[in-house]
Structures are given as structure tokens and as C-alpha cells.
Amino acid sequence: MATLEELTDRIRQAASSEAAAGALGASIKLDLKGEGVIHILGSHVTNDDLPADLVVTVGLKDLTALGKGELDPTRAMMTGRLRLSDMGLAMRLQPAIQSLFSKAA
């Protein structure tokens, strides 16, 4: 399993591509349930706990599994392993988020 630093670096590299950064169009905070935070605003990725348009609460292990396609997002939500602050925004950003995380996994 990747550490917070490794995952942050992978997401930073994936977000640095112009297509990925522009496709999001919103800030995202990954709240890793006490294991840290990853804040994404365009191509700027940090571990700062900043406000965001969408907060995704998920454990580091589950985030890695989601990125690798080993965990179904719907199942993760229904079992409480994944929580979203704004379901509408999450649905709109889903293709860009999935693309970003699959490159980072």
C-alpha cells in the first residue's frame, strides 16, 4: 500500500497534465480518515487541510483500491467506506476524478 506521501506525489504527477487539471474545474479534498489530507486544485496538489468544493472521505487503503479498480465506488458508498460532501458535483466530476486516480494508482 502506498504511503500518503507516495500517493500525493502520484496524484500531483497525474494532475500536472493539462487535460486532467482542466477537466476537474473544482477543488477536491481527500479526507483520509485520520491518515492525512490531499487537496487538489487544478494542478496544485498539497497535503494542506484547505476548504474544497468537494470533500471525499475515504481511507487510504480504500482510495488505493478505488484507483486500481479493485473497489467499486457505489459499493464503497453503500457500505460507508466512501462519503461525498456533494453527490451532484461528484457525479459531474466522476469521469475526471476516475481518470486522475487511475493514473495515480
C-alpha atoms as a PDB file:
ATOM      1  CA  MET A   1       0.000   0.000   0.000  1.00  0.00           C
ATOM      2  CA  ALA A   2       1.248   3.475  -0.880  1.00  0.00           C
ATOM      3  CA  THR A   3       2.052   5.968   1.840  1.00  0.00           C
ATOM      4  CA  LEU A   4       0.365   9.371   1.975  1.00  0.00           C
ATOM      5  CA  GLU A   5       3.474  10.985   0.502  1.00  0.00           C
ATOM      6  CA  GLU A   6       3.698   8.480  -2.346  1.00  0.00           C
ATOM      7  CA  LEU A   7       0.020   8.836  -3.182  1.00  0.00           C
ATOM      8  CA  THR A   8       0.239  12.637  -3.039  1.00  0.00           C
ATOM      9  CA  ASP A   9       3.190  12.577  -5.443  1.00  0.00           C
ATOM     10  CA  ARG A  10       1.345  10.257  -7.839  1.00  0.00           C
ATOM     11  CA  ILE A  11      -1.745  12.469  -7.809  1.00  0.00           C
ATOM     12  CA  ARG A  12       0.448  15.550  -8.259  1.00  0.00           C
ATOM     13  CA  GLN A  13       2.084  13.983 -11.330  1.00  0.00           C
ATOM     14  CA  ALA A  14      -1.273  12.912 -12.774  1.00  0.00           C
ATOM     15  CA  ALA A  15      -2.800  16.348 -12.121  1.00  0.00           C
ATOM     16  CA  SER A  16       0.135  18.117 -13.728  1.00  0.00           C
ATOM     17  CA  SER A  17      -1.110  17.054 -17.146  1.00  0.00           C
ATOM     18  CA  GLU A  18      -3.076  19.950 -18.586  1.00  0.00           C
ATOM     19  CA  ALA A  19      -6.063  17.777 -19.524  1.00  0.00           C
ATOM     20  CA  ALA A  20      -6.515  16.358 -16.021  1.00  0.00           C
ATOM     21  CA  ALA A  21      -6.104  19.704 -14.278  1.00  0.00           C
ATOM     22  CA  GLY A  22      -8.553  21.484 -16.562  1.00  0.00           C
ATOM     23  CA  ALA A  23     -11.119  18.676 -16.537  1.00  0.00           C
ATOM     24  CA  LEU A  24     -11.784  18.890 -12.805  1.00  0.00           C
ATOM     25  CA  GLY A  25     -12.894  22.518 -12.715  1.00  0.00           C
ATOM     26  CA  ALA A  26     -13.347  22.330  -8.925  1.00  0.00           C
ATOM     27  CA  SER A  27     -11.236  21.824  -5.841  1.00  0.00           C
ATOM     28  CA  ILE A  28     -11.262  18.417  -4.189  1.00  0.00           C
ATOM     29  CA  LYS A  29     -10.146  17.433  -0.710  1.00  0.00           C
ATOM     30  CA  LEU A  30      -9.470  13.802   0.059  1.00  0.00           C
ATOM     31  CA  ASP A  31     -10.002  13.340   3.783  1.00  0.00           C
ATOM     32  CA  LEU A  32      -8.171  10.093   4.509  1.00  0.00           C
ATOM     33  CA  LYS A  33      -9.872   9.412   7.844  1.00  0.00           C
ATOM     34  CA  GLY A  34      -7.076  10.468  10.163  1.00  0.00           C
ATOM     35  CA  GLU A  35      -4.300   9.350   7.801  1.00  0.00           C
ATOM     36  CA  GLY A  36      -3.931  12.806   6.246  1.00  0.00           C
ATOM     37  CA  VAL A  37      -5.442  15.045   3.610  1.00  0.00           C
ATOM     38  CA  ILE A  38      -4.789  15.542  -0.091  1.00  0.00           C
ATOM     39  CA  HIS A  39      -6.067  18.829  -1.537  1.00  0.00           C
ATOM     40  CA  ILE A  40      -6.346  19.147  -5.324  1.00  0.00           C
ATOM     41  CA  LEU A  41      -6.909  22.485  -7.048  1.00  0.00           C
ATOM     42  CA  GLY A  42      -6.126  22.166 -10.737  1.00  0.00           C
ATOM     43  CA  SER A  43      -2.533  21.017 -10.982  1.00  0.00           C
ATOM     44  CA  HIS A  44      -1.737  22.222  -7.433  1.00  0.00           C
ATOM     45  CA  VAL A  45      -1.735  19.217  -5.059  1.00  0.00           C
ATOM     46  CA  THR A  46      -0.835  19.569  -1.371  1.00  0.00           C
ATOM     47  CA  ASN A  47      -1.395  17.922   1.994  1.00  0.00           C
ATOM     48  CA  ASP A  48      -2.855  21.149   3.383  1.00  0.00           C
ATOM     49  CA  ASP A  49      -6.272  20.874   5.030  1.00  0.00           C
ATOM     50  CA  LEU A  50      -7.945  23.598   2.951  1.00  0.00           C
ATOM     51  CA  PRO A  51     -11.625  24.135   2.086  1.00  0.00           C
ATOM     52  CA  ALA A  52     -12.767  22.468  -1.131  1.00  0.00           C
ATOM     53  CA  ASP A  53     -15.798  22.292  -3.415  1.00  0.00           C
ATOM     54  CA  LEU A  54     -15.954  18.523  -2.931  1.00  0.00           C
ATOM     55  CA  VAL A  55     -14.771  16.590   0.110  1.00  0.00           C
ATOM     56  CA  VAL A  56     -14.253  12.872  -0.392  1.00  0.00           C
ATOM     57  CA  THR A  57     -13.852  10.970   2.872  1.00  0.00           C
ATOM     58  CA  VAL A  58     -12.173   7.612   2.331  1.00  0.00           C
ATOM     59  CA  GLY A  59      -9.408   5.590   3.973  1.00  0.00           C
ATOM     60  CA  LEU A  60      -6.016   5.459   2.299  1.00  0.00           C
ATOM     61  CA  LYS A  61      -6.317   1.716   1.648  1.00  0.00           C
ATOM     62  CA  ASP A  62      -9.779   2.160   0.080  1.00  0.00           C
ATOM     63  CA  LEU A  63      -8.612   5.110  -2.028  1.00  0.00           C
ATOM     64  CA  THR A  64      -5.807   2.981  -3.434  1.00  0.00           C
ATOM     65  CA  ALA A  65      -8.281   0.158  -4.163  1.00  0.00           C
ATOM     66  CA  LEU A  66     -10.656   2.602  -5.889  1.00  0.00           C
ATOM     67  CA  GLY A  67      -7.833   3.917  -8.077  1.00  0.00           C
ATOM     68  CA  LYS A  68      -6.833   0.392  -9.090  1.00  0.00           C
ATOM     69  CA  GLY A  69     -10.437  -0.562  -9.848  1.00  0.00           C
ATOM     70  CA  GLU A  70     -10.422  -3.162  -7.057  1.00  0.00           C
ATOM     71  CA  LEU A  71     -13.226  -1.419  -5.126  1.00  0.00           C
ATOM     72  CA  ASP A  72     -16.494  -0.342  -6.711  1.00  0.00           C
ATOM     73  CA  PRO A  73     -17.345   3.298  -5.791  1.00  0.00           C
ATOM     74  CA  THR A  74     -21.065   2.558  -5.396  1.00  0.00           C
ATOM     75  CA  ARG A  75     -20.381  -0.378  -3.093  1.00  0.00           C
ATOM     76  CA  ALA A  76     -17.910   1.749  -1.113  1.00  0.00           C
ATOM     77  CA  MET A  77     -20.562   4.444  -0.622  1.00  0.00           C
ATOM     78  CA  MET A  78     -23.279   1.989   0.356  1.00  0.00           C
ATOM     79  CA  THR A  79     -21.019   0.367   2.958  1.00  0.00           C
ATOM     80  CA  GLY A  80     -19.829   3.700   4.400  1.00  0.00           C
ATOM     81  CA  ARG A  81     -16.253   3.304   3.188  1.00  0.00           C
ATOM     82  CA  LEU A  82     -16.657   6.374   0.945  1.00  0.00           C
ATOM     83  CA  ARG A  83     -18.527   9.598   1.726  1.00  0.00           C
ATOM     84  CA  LEU A  84     -19.062  12.616  -0.521  1.00  0.00           C
ATOM     85  CA  SER A  85     -19.919  16.153   0.569  1.00  0.00           C
ATOM     86  CA  ASP A  86     -21.781  16.931  -2.684  1.00  0.00           C
ATOM     87  CA  MET A  87     -23.176  13.994  -4.651  1.00  0.00           C
ATOM     88  CA  GLY A  88     -24.209  16.157  -7.638  1.00  0.00           C
ATOM     89  CA  LEU A  89     -20.751  17.657  -8.020  1.00  0.00           C
ATOM     90  CA  ALA A  90     -19.142  14.247  -7.523  1.00  0.00           C
ATOM     91  CA  MET A  91     -21.302  12.755 -10.290  1.00  0.00           C
ATOM     92  CA  ARG A  92     -20.418  15.615 -12.640  1.00  0.00           C
ATOM     93  CA  LEU A  93     -16.687  15.237 -11.911  1.00  0.00           C
ATOM     94  CA  GLN A  94     -16.680  11.431 -11.797  1.00  0.00           C
ATOM     95  CA  PRO A  95     -15.021  10.794 -15.191  1.00  0.00           C
ATOM     96  CA  ALA A  96     -12.214  13.288 -14.492  1.00  0.00           C
ATOM     97  CA  ILE A  97     -11.734  12.044 -10.918  1.00  0.00           C
ATOM     98  CA  GLN A  98     -11.614   8.403 -12.034  1.00  0.00           C
ATOM     99  CA  SER A  99      -9.102   9.229 -14.747  1.00  0.00           C
ATOM    100  CA  LEU A 100      -6.922  11.129 -12.297  1.00  0.00           C
ATOM    101  CA  PHE A 101      -6.987   8.385  -9.647  1.00  0.00           C
ATOM    102  CA  SER A 102      -6.428   5.568 -12.126  1.00  0.00           C
ATOM    103  CA  LYS A 103      -3.221   7.305 -13.259  1.00  0.00           C
ATOM    104  CA  ALA A 104      -2.180   7.767  -9.631  1.00  0.00           C
ATOM    105  CA  ALA A 105      -2.855   4.187  -8.502  1.00  0.00           C
END
